[in-house]
């Protein structure tokens, strides 16, 4: 294992160990719930039904995130959700740029709060971990 790979893995483990008090008490969804509250709730609503405070102001109604599995033959489209959050899948309601409301938030915060100097490449494990937590949380909203 190279030094670079080892340092990336160390950073990922460090982030995982920084859990919230709720996570220490066994709430596996605490990190994802927090990400959702910050990044998604304004449009998609607390319950994920697309009824957030900002929703009436948008020209395209936000998706009902509780119905993603139902609309996909009962299977939660994990990869598609992950890629939508990541920005590789363009969402009509988000305009041309993926997630313009908070698209660079993960990268900026990873670099800003880094223990050692990160460039956008080395911040990748932290970014991926946060997106994974959010993707799992949205999976928990399925009806």
N, C-alpha and C. Protein backbone atom coordinates (compact mmCIF):
# COMPACT_ATOMS: atom_id res chain seq x y z
N UNK A 1 0.85 -1.17 0.00
CA UNK A 1 0.00 0.00 0.00
C UNK A 1 0.89 1.24 0.00
N UNK A 2 0.60 2.15 -0.89
CA UNK A 2 1.42 3.36 -0.96
C UNK A 2 1.10 4.29 0.20
N UNK A 3 1.99 5.22 0.43
CA UNK A 3 1.79 6.20 1.50
C UNK A 3 0.54 7.03 1.21
N UNK A 4 0.34 7.38 -0.05
CA UNK A 4 -0.82 8.20 -0.43
C UNK A 4 -2.12 7.46 -0.13
N UNK A 5 -2.22 6.20 -0.52
CA UNK A 5 -3.42 5.40 -0.26
C UNK A 5 -3.62 5.25 1.24
N UNK A 6 -2.55 4.98 1.96
CA UNK A 6 -2.64 4.83 3.42
C UNK A 6 -3.16 6.10 4.08
N UNK A 7 -2.69 7.26 3.60
CA UNK A 7 -3.16 8.51 4.20
C UNK A 7 -4.64 8.75 3.90
N UNK A 8 -5.11 8.36 2.70
CA UNK A 8 -6.52 8.50 2.35
C UNK A 8 -7.37 7.62 3.25
N UNK A 9 -6.92 6.39 3.44
CA UNK A 9 -7.66 5.47 4.30
C UNK A 9 -7.68 5.96 5.73
N UNK A 10 -6.57 6.50 6.19
CA UNK A 10 -6.51 7.05 7.55
C UNK A 10 -7.49 8.19 7.71
N UNK A 11 -7.58 9.05 6.70
CA UNK A 11 -8.52 10.17 6.75
C UNK A 11 -9.95 9.67 6.81
N UNK A 12 -10.26 8.66 6.03
CA UNK A 12 -11.61 8.11 6.01
C UNK A 12 -11.96 7.51 7.36
N UNK A 13 -11.04 6.78 7.95
CA UNK A 13 -11.27 6.19 9.27
C UNK A 13 -11.44 7.29 10.31
N UNK A 14 -10.65 8.34 10.22
CA UNK A 14 -10.76 9.45 11.17
C UNK A 14 -12.13 10.10 11.09
N UNK A 15 -12.63 10.30 9.87
CA UNK A 15 -13.94 10.90 9.69
C UNK A 15 -15.01 9.98 10.27
N UNK A 16 -14.90 8.70 10.03
CA UNK A 16 -15.88 7.74 10.54
C UNK A 16 -15.89 7.73 12.06
N UNK A 17 -14.76 7.95 12.67
CA UNK A 17 -14.66 7.92 14.14
C UNK A 17 -15.13 9.21 14.79
N UNK A 18 -15.39 10.23 14.00
CA UNK A 18 -15.83 11.51 14.55
C UNK A 18 -17.32 11.55 14.81
N UNK A 19 -17.99 10.44 14.76
CA UNK A 19 -19.43 10.35 14.86
C UNK A 19 -20.05 11.27 15.90
N UNK A 20 -21.32 11.51 15.74
CA UNK A 20 -22.06 12.35 16.67
C UNK A 20 -22.42 11.53 17.91
N UNK A 21 -22.85 12.18 18.99
CA UNK A 21 -23.29 11.43 20.16
C UNK A 21 -24.41 10.45 19.84
N UNK A 22 -25.30 10.83 18.92
CA UNK A 22 -26.39 9.93 18.53
C UNK A 22 -25.83 8.66 17.90
N UNK A 23 -24.77 8.81 17.12
CA UNK A 23 -24.16 7.64 16.49
C UNK A 23 -23.54 6.74 17.55
N UNK A 24 -22.95 7.34 18.58
CA UNK A 24 -22.34 6.55 19.65
C UNK A 24 -23.40 5.75 20.39
N UNK A 25 -24.64 6.22 20.37
CA UNK A 25 -25.73 5.53 21.04
C UNK A 25 -26.41 4.52 20.12
N UNK A 26 -25.88 4.31 18.94
CA UNK A 26 -26.41 3.30 18.04
C UNK A 26 -27.31 3.81 16.94
N UNK A 27 -27.39 5.10 16.70
CA UNK A 27 -28.21 5.64 15.62
C UNK A 27 -27.39 5.65 14.34
N UNK A 28 -27.52 4.59 13.57
CA UNK A 28 -26.73 4.43 12.34
C UNK A 28 -27.05 5.49 11.29
N UNK A 29 -28.17 6.14 11.39
CA UNK A 29 -28.59 7.10 10.38
C UNK A 29 -28.33 8.56 10.78
N UNK A 30 -27.72 8.79 11.92
CA UNK A 30 -27.53 10.15 12.43
C UNK A 30 -26.77 11.05 11.46
N UNK A 31 -25.68 10.56 10.91
CA UNK A 31 -24.88 11.38 9.99
C UNK A 31 -25.67 11.69 8.72
N UNK A 32 -26.34 10.70 8.17
CA UNK A 32 -27.15 10.92 6.97
C UNK A 32 -28.32 11.85 7.22
N UNK A 33 -28.95 11.71 8.39
CA UNK A 33 -30.06 12.58 8.77
C UNK A 33 -29.59 14.02 8.87
N UNK A 34 -28.41 14.23 9.43
CA UNK A 34 -27.86 15.58 9.54
C UNK A 34 -27.56 16.16 8.16
N UNK A 35 -26.98 15.35 7.28
CA UNK A 35 -26.71 15.80 5.91
C UNK A 35 -28.02 16.17 5.21
N UNK A 36 -29.03 15.33 5.40
CA UNK A 36 -30.33 15.57 4.77
C UNK A 36 -30.91 16.89 5.26
N UNK A 37 -30.89 17.10 6.56
CA UNK A 37 -31.44 18.31 7.15
C UNK A 37 -30.78 19.55 6.55
N UNK A 38 -29.47 19.51 6.38
CA UNK A 38 -28.73 20.66 5.87
C UNK A 38 -28.92 20.85 4.36
N UNK A 39 -28.86 19.77 3.61
CA UNK A 39 -28.79 19.88 2.15
C UNK A 39 -30.10 19.65 1.40
N UNK A 40 -31.03 18.91 1.97
CA UNK A 40 -32.19 18.45 1.21
C UNK A 40 -33.54 18.92 1.73
N UNK A 41 -33.64 19.09 3.04
CA UNK A 41 -34.92 19.33 3.67
C UNK A 41 -35.63 20.59 3.17
N UNK A 42 -34.90 21.62 2.82
CA UNK A 42 -35.51 22.85 2.34
C UNK A 42 -36.42 22.64 1.15
N UNK A 43 -36.04 21.76 0.25
CA UNK A 43 -36.84 21.48 -0.94
C UNK A 43 -37.70 20.22 -0.77
N UNK A 44 -37.09 19.14 -0.28
CA UNK A 44 -37.78 17.85 -0.22
C UNK A 44 -38.62 17.67 1.04
N UNK A 45 -38.46 18.54 2.03
CA UNK A 45 -39.26 18.46 3.24
C UNK A 45 -38.68 17.49 4.25
N UNK A 46 -39.10 17.64 5.50
CA UNK A 46 -38.59 16.79 6.58
C UNK A 46 -38.92 15.32 6.34
N UNK A 47 -40.06 15.05 5.73
CA UNK A 47 -40.46 13.66 5.49
C UNK A 47 -39.98 13.13 4.14
N UNK A 48 -39.43 14.01 3.30
CA UNK A 48 -38.93 13.59 1.99
C UNK A 48 -39.97 13.58 0.89
N UNK A 49 -41.15 14.11 1.16
CA UNK A 49 -42.24 14.05 0.20
C UNK A 49 -42.24 15.18 -0.83
N UNK A 50 -41.24 16.04 -0.79
CA UNK A 50 -41.15 17.12 -1.77
C UNK A 50 -41.90 18.37 -1.35
N UNK A 51 -42.17 18.49 -0.05
CA UNK A 51 -42.97 19.59 0.46
C UNK A 51 -42.20 20.52 1.39
N UNK A 52 -40.95 20.75 1.07
CA UNK A 52 -40.12 21.63 1.89
C UNK A 52 -40.54 23.08 1.76
N UNK A 53 -40.01 23.93 2.62
CA UNK A 53 -40.36 25.35 2.64
C UNK A 53 -40.07 26.05 1.32
N UNK A 54 -39.05 25.63 0.63
CA UNK A 54 -38.65 26.27 -0.63
C UNK A 54 -39.44 25.72 -1.82
N UNK A 55 -40.04 24.56 -1.68
CA UNK A 55 -40.72 23.87 -2.78
C UNK A 55 -41.70 24.76 -3.55
N UNK A 56 -42.55 25.56 -2.88
CA UNK A 56 -43.51 26.38 -3.63
C UNK A 56 -42.84 27.43 -4.53
N UNK A 57 -41.60 27.75 -4.26
CA UNK A 57 -40.90 28.78 -5.04
C UNK A 57 -40.21 28.20 -6.27
N UNK A 58 -40.14 26.89 -6.37
CA UNK A 58 -39.43 26.24 -7.47
C UNK A 58 -40.34 26.03 -8.68
N UNK A 59 -39.75 26.09 -9.87
CA UNK A 59 -40.54 25.87 -11.08
C UNK A 59 -40.79 24.38 -11.32
N UNK A 60 -39.95 23.52 -10.78
CA UNK A 60 -40.13 22.08 -10.87
C UNK A 60 -40.30 21.55 -9.46
N UNK A 61 -41.40 20.83 -9.23
CA UNK A 61 -41.67 20.29 -7.90
C UNK A 61 -40.58 19.28 -7.52
N UNK A 62 -40.04 19.39 -6.30
CA UNK A 62 -39.02 18.44 -5.86
C UNK A 62 -39.60 17.02 -5.81
N UNK A 63 -38.76 16.05 -6.05
CA UNK A 63 -39.18 14.66 -6.05
C UNK A 63 -39.64 14.22 -4.67
N UNK A 64 -40.59 13.31 -4.66
CA UNK A 64 -41.01 12.65 -3.43
C UNK A 64 -40.01 11.53 -3.21
N UNK A 65 -39.07 11.75 -2.31
CA UNK A 65 -37.99 10.79 -2.09
C UNK A 65 -38.46 9.52 -1.41
N UNK A 66 -39.67 9.51 -0.88
CA UNK A 66 -40.19 8.31 -0.22
C UNK A 66 -40.68 7.28 -1.23
N UNK A 67 -40.79 7.67 -2.50
CA UNK A 67 -41.36 6.80 -3.53
C UNK A 67 -40.33 6.28 -4.53
N UNK A 68 -39.05 6.50 -4.26
CA UNK A 68 -38.02 6.11 -5.22
C UNK A 68 -38.01 4.60 -5.47
N UNK A 69 -38.11 3.80 -4.44
CA UNK A 69 -38.12 2.34 -4.61
C UNK A 69 -39.39 1.91 -5.32
N UNK A 70 -40.52 2.46 -4.92
CA UNK A 70 -41.81 2.10 -5.51
C UNK A 70 -41.80 2.36 -7.02
N UNK A 71 -41.20 3.47 -7.42
CA UNK A 71 -41.14 3.82 -8.85
C UNK A 71 -40.08 3.02 -9.61
N UNK A 72 -39.31 2.22 -8.88
CA UNK A 72 -38.24 1.42 -9.48
C UNK A 72 -38.49 -0.08 -9.21
N UNK A 73 -39.72 -0.51 -9.43
CA UNK A 73 -40.10 -1.91 -9.24
C UNK A 73 -39.78 -2.43 -7.84
N UNK A 74 -39.90 -1.57 -6.83
CA UNK A 74 -39.70 -1.99 -5.46
C UNK A 74 -38.26 -2.05 -5.00
N UNK A 75 -37.33 -1.66 -5.86
CA UNK A 75 -35.91 -1.69 -5.51
C UNK A 75 -35.38 -0.26 -5.41
N UNK A 76 -34.78 0.04 -4.27
CA UNK A 76 -34.21 1.37 -4.08
C UNK A 76 -33.05 1.56 -5.05
N UNK A 77 -33.10 2.61 -5.88
CA UNK A 77 -32.05 2.85 -6.88
C UNK A 77 -30.81 3.51 -6.25
N UNK A 78 -30.11 2.74 -5.44
CA UNK A 78 -29.01 3.25 -4.63
C UNK A 78 -27.99 4.02 -5.47
N UNK A 79 -27.50 3.40 -6.54
CA UNK A 79 -26.46 4.05 -7.35
C UNK A 79 -26.96 5.34 -7.98
N UNK A 80 -28.18 5.33 -8.49
CA UNK A 80 -28.72 6.54 -9.12
C UNK A 80 -28.86 7.67 -8.09
N UNK A 81 -29.31 7.34 -6.88
CA UNK A 81 -29.43 8.35 -5.84
C UNK A 81 -28.04 8.89 -5.48
N UNK A 82 -27.10 7.99 -5.29
CA UNK A 82 -25.73 8.40 -4.97
C UNK A 82 -25.18 9.34 -6.05
N UNK A 83 -25.36 8.95 -7.32
CA UNK A 83 -24.84 9.75 -8.43
C UNK A 83 -25.56 11.10 -8.56
N UNK A 84 -26.85 11.13 -8.21
CA UNK A 84 -27.58 12.39 -8.25
C UNK A 84 -27.02 13.35 -7.21
N UNK A 85 -26.79 12.86 -6.02
CA UNK A 85 -26.22 13.69 -4.96
C UNK A 85 -24.80 14.11 -5.34
N UNK A 86 -24.05 13.16 -5.90
CA UNK A 86 -22.66 13.39 -6.30
C UNK A 86 -22.56 14.42 -7.43
N UNK A 87 -23.61 14.52 -8.23
CA UNK A 87 -23.61 15.49 -9.32
C UNK A 87 -23.38 14.90 -10.69
N UNK A 88 -23.23 13.58 -10.78
CA UNK A 88 -23.01 12.97 -12.09
C UNK A 88 -24.29 12.77 -12.87
N UNK A 89 -25.44 12.85 -12.20
CA UNK A 89 -26.73 12.73 -12.86
C UNK A 89 -27.40 14.09 -12.77
N UNK A 90 -27.74 14.66 -13.90
CA UNK A 90 -28.37 15.97 -13.91
C UNK A 90 -29.85 15.80 -13.58
N UNK A 91 -30.32 16.56 -12.61
CA UNK A 91 -31.71 16.54 -12.20
C UNK A 91 -32.38 17.78 -12.79
N UNK A 92 -33.46 17.58 -13.53
CA UNK A 92 -34.14 18.67 -14.23
C UNK A 92 -34.42 19.87 -13.32
N UNK A 93 -34.91 19.62 -12.13
CA UNK A 93 -35.26 20.70 -11.22
C UNK A 93 -34.08 21.47 -10.69
N UNK A 94 -32.88 20.92 -10.81
CA UNK A 94 -31.69 21.59 -10.29
C UNK A 94 -31.00 22.43 -11.35
N UNK A 95 -31.55 22.49 -12.55
CA UNK A 95 -30.97 23.31 -13.59
C UNK A 95 -29.83 22.62 -14.31
N UNK A 96 -29.03 23.39 -15.01
CA UNK A 96 -27.93 22.86 -15.81
C UNK A 96 -26.84 22.28 -14.92
N UNK A 97 -26.42 23.04 -13.92
CA UNK A 97 -25.38 22.57 -13.01
C UNK A 97 -26.01 21.65 -11.97
N UNK A 98 -25.38 20.52 -11.67
CA UNK A 98 -25.97 19.63 -10.68
C UNK A 98 -25.98 20.25 -9.29
N UNK A 99 -27.12 20.18 -8.65
CA UNK A 99 -27.31 20.66 -7.28
C UNK A 99 -26.73 22.06 -7.04
N UNK A 100 -27.20 23.07 -7.77
CA UNK A 100 -26.60 24.41 -7.62
C UNK A 100 -26.79 25.02 -6.24
N UNK A 101 -27.74 24.53 -5.47
CA UNK A 101 -27.96 25.10 -4.14
C UNK A 101 -26.79 24.79 -3.22
N UNK A 102 -26.21 23.58 -3.32
CA UNK A 102 -25.12 23.20 -2.42
C UNK A 102 -24.08 22.31 -3.08
N UNK A 103 -23.97 22.40 -4.37
CA UNK A 103 -23.10 21.51 -5.13
C UNK A 103 -21.66 21.39 -4.69
N UNK A 104 -21.04 22.47 -4.28
CA UNK A 104 -19.63 22.41 -3.88
C UNK A 104 -19.44 22.35 -2.37
N UNK A 105 -20.53 22.25 -1.63
CA UNK A 105 -20.44 22.28 -0.17
C UNK A 105 -19.54 21.19 0.39
N UNK A 106 -19.70 19.98 -0.08
CA UNK A 106 -18.90 18.87 0.45
C UNK A 106 -17.41 19.11 0.21
N UNK A 107 -17.06 19.51 -0.99
CA UNK A 107 -15.65 19.74 -1.33
C UNK A 107 -15.08 20.87 -0.49
N UNK A 108 -15.79 21.98 -0.43
CA UNK A 108 -15.30 23.15 0.31
C UNK A 108 -15.11 22.85 1.79
N UNK A 109 -16.09 22.16 2.40
CA UNK A 109 -15.98 21.85 3.81
C UNK A 109 -14.88 20.84 4.09
N UNK A 110 -14.68 19.88 3.18
CA UNK A 110 -13.63 18.88 3.38
C UNK A 110 -12.26 19.55 3.37
N UNK A 111 -12.08 20.49 2.46
CA UNK A 111 -10.80 21.18 2.37
C UNK A 111 -10.64 22.13 3.55
N UNK A 112 -11.71 22.85 3.89
CA UNK A 112 -11.66 23.84 4.97
C UNK A 112 -11.39 23.20 6.33
N UNK A 113 -12.00 22.04 6.61
CA UNK A 113 -11.86 21.42 7.92
C UNK A 113 -10.83 20.32 7.97
N UNK A 114 -9.99 20.25 6.98
CA UNK A 114 -9.02 19.16 6.89
C UNK A 114 -7.94 19.26 7.96
N UNK A 115 -7.52 18.11 8.44
CA UNK A 115 -6.45 18.05 9.43
C UNK A 115 -5.12 18.34 8.77
N UNK A 116 -4.95 17.86 7.57
CA UNK A 116 -3.74 18.14 6.81
C UNK A 116 -4.17 18.81 5.50
N UNK A 117 -3.29 19.45 4.79
CA UNK A 117 -3.71 20.12 3.55
C UNK A 117 -4.23 19.12 2.52
N UNK A 118 -5.50 19.28 2.17
CA UNK A 118 -6.11 18.42 1.16
C UNK A 118 -6.29 19.21 -0.13
N UNK A 119 -6.10 18.54 -1.23
CA UNK A 119 -6.54 19.09 -2.49
C UNK A 119 -7.85 18.39 -2.81
N UNK A 120 -8.52 18.73 -3.89
CA UNK A 120 -9.83 18.15 -4.16
C UNK A 120 -9.74 16.64 -4.34
N UNK A 121 -8.60 16.11 -4.77
CA UNK A 121 -8.49 14.66 -4.96
C UNK A 121 -8.41 13.94 -3.62
N UNK A 122 -7.62 14.42 -2.71
CA UNK A 122 -7.46 13.72 -1.44
C UNK A 122 -8.65 13.93 -0.51
N UNK A 123 -9.51 14.90 -0.78
CA UNK A 123 -10.72 15.09 0.01
C UNK A 123 -11.80 14.09 -0.41
N UNK A 124 -11.56 13.39 -1.50
CA UNK A 124 -12.55 12.48 -2.07
C UNK A 124 -13.10 11.45 -1.09
N UNK A 125 -12.30 10.78 -0.26
CA UNK A 125 -12.87 9.80 0.68
C UNK A 125 -13.87 10.43 1.65
N UNK A 126 -13.61 11.63 2.10
CA UNK A 126 -14.51 12.31 3.01
C UNK A 126 -15.81 12.65 2.29
N UNK A 127 -15.71 13.15 1.09
CA UNK A 127 -16.88 13.50 0.30
C UNK A 127 -17.73 12.26 0.04
N UNK A 128 -17.10 11.18 -0.38
CA UNK A 128 -17.82 9.93 -0.67
C UNK A 128 -18.51 9.39 0.57
N UNK A 129 -17.86 9.48 1.72
CA UNK A 129 -18.46 8.98 2.96
C UNK A 129 -19.72 9.77 3.30
N UNK A 130 -19.68 11.08 3.14
CA UNK A 130 -20.84 11.91 3.45
C UNK A 130 -21.99 11.64 2.48
N UNK A 131 -21.67 11.44 1.21
CA UNK A 131 -22.71 11.14 0.22
C UNK A 131 -23.32 9.77 0.51
N UNK A 132 -22.49 8.81 0.89
CA UNK A 132 -23.00 7.48 1.25
C UNK A 132 -23.96 7.56 2.42
N UNK A 133 -23.60 8.31 3.45
CA UNK A 133 -24.49 8.45 4.61
C UNK A 133 -25.84 9.04 4.20
N UNK A 134 -25.81 10.04 3.35
CA UNK A 134 -27.05 10.67 2.88
C UNK A 134 -27.86 9.69 2.03
N UNK A 135 -27.20 8.93 1.18
CA UNK A 135 -27.89 7.96 0.33
C UNK A 135 -28.58 6.89 1.17
N UNK A 136 -27.90 6.41 2.20
CA UNK A 136 -28.51 5.43 3.10
C UNK A 136 -29.69 6.03 3.86
N UNK A 137 -29.56 7.29 4.26
CA UNK A 137 -30.68 7.93 4.97
C UNK A 137 -31.90 8.02 4.07
N UNK A 138 -31.70 8.44 2.82
CA UNK A 138 -32.84 8.54 1.89
C UNK A 138 -33.45 7.15 1.68
N UNK A 139 -32.63 6.12 1.68
CA UNK A 139 -33.15 4.76 1.56
C UNK A 139 -34.09 4.45 2.73
N UNK A 140 -33.78 4.96 3.91
CA UNK A 140 -34.61 4.70 5.08
C UNK A 140 -35.97 5.38 4.99
N UNK A 141 -36.13 6.35 4.10
CA UNK A 141 -37.40 7.07 3.95
C UNK A 141 -38.39 6.34 3.07
N UNK A 142 -37.97 5.27 2.42
CA UNK A 142 -38.84 4.58 1.46
C UNK A 142 -40.08 4.01 2.14
N UNK A 143 -41.22 4.20 1.46
CA UNK A 143 -42.51 3.67 1.97
C UNK A 143 -42.84 2.36 1.30
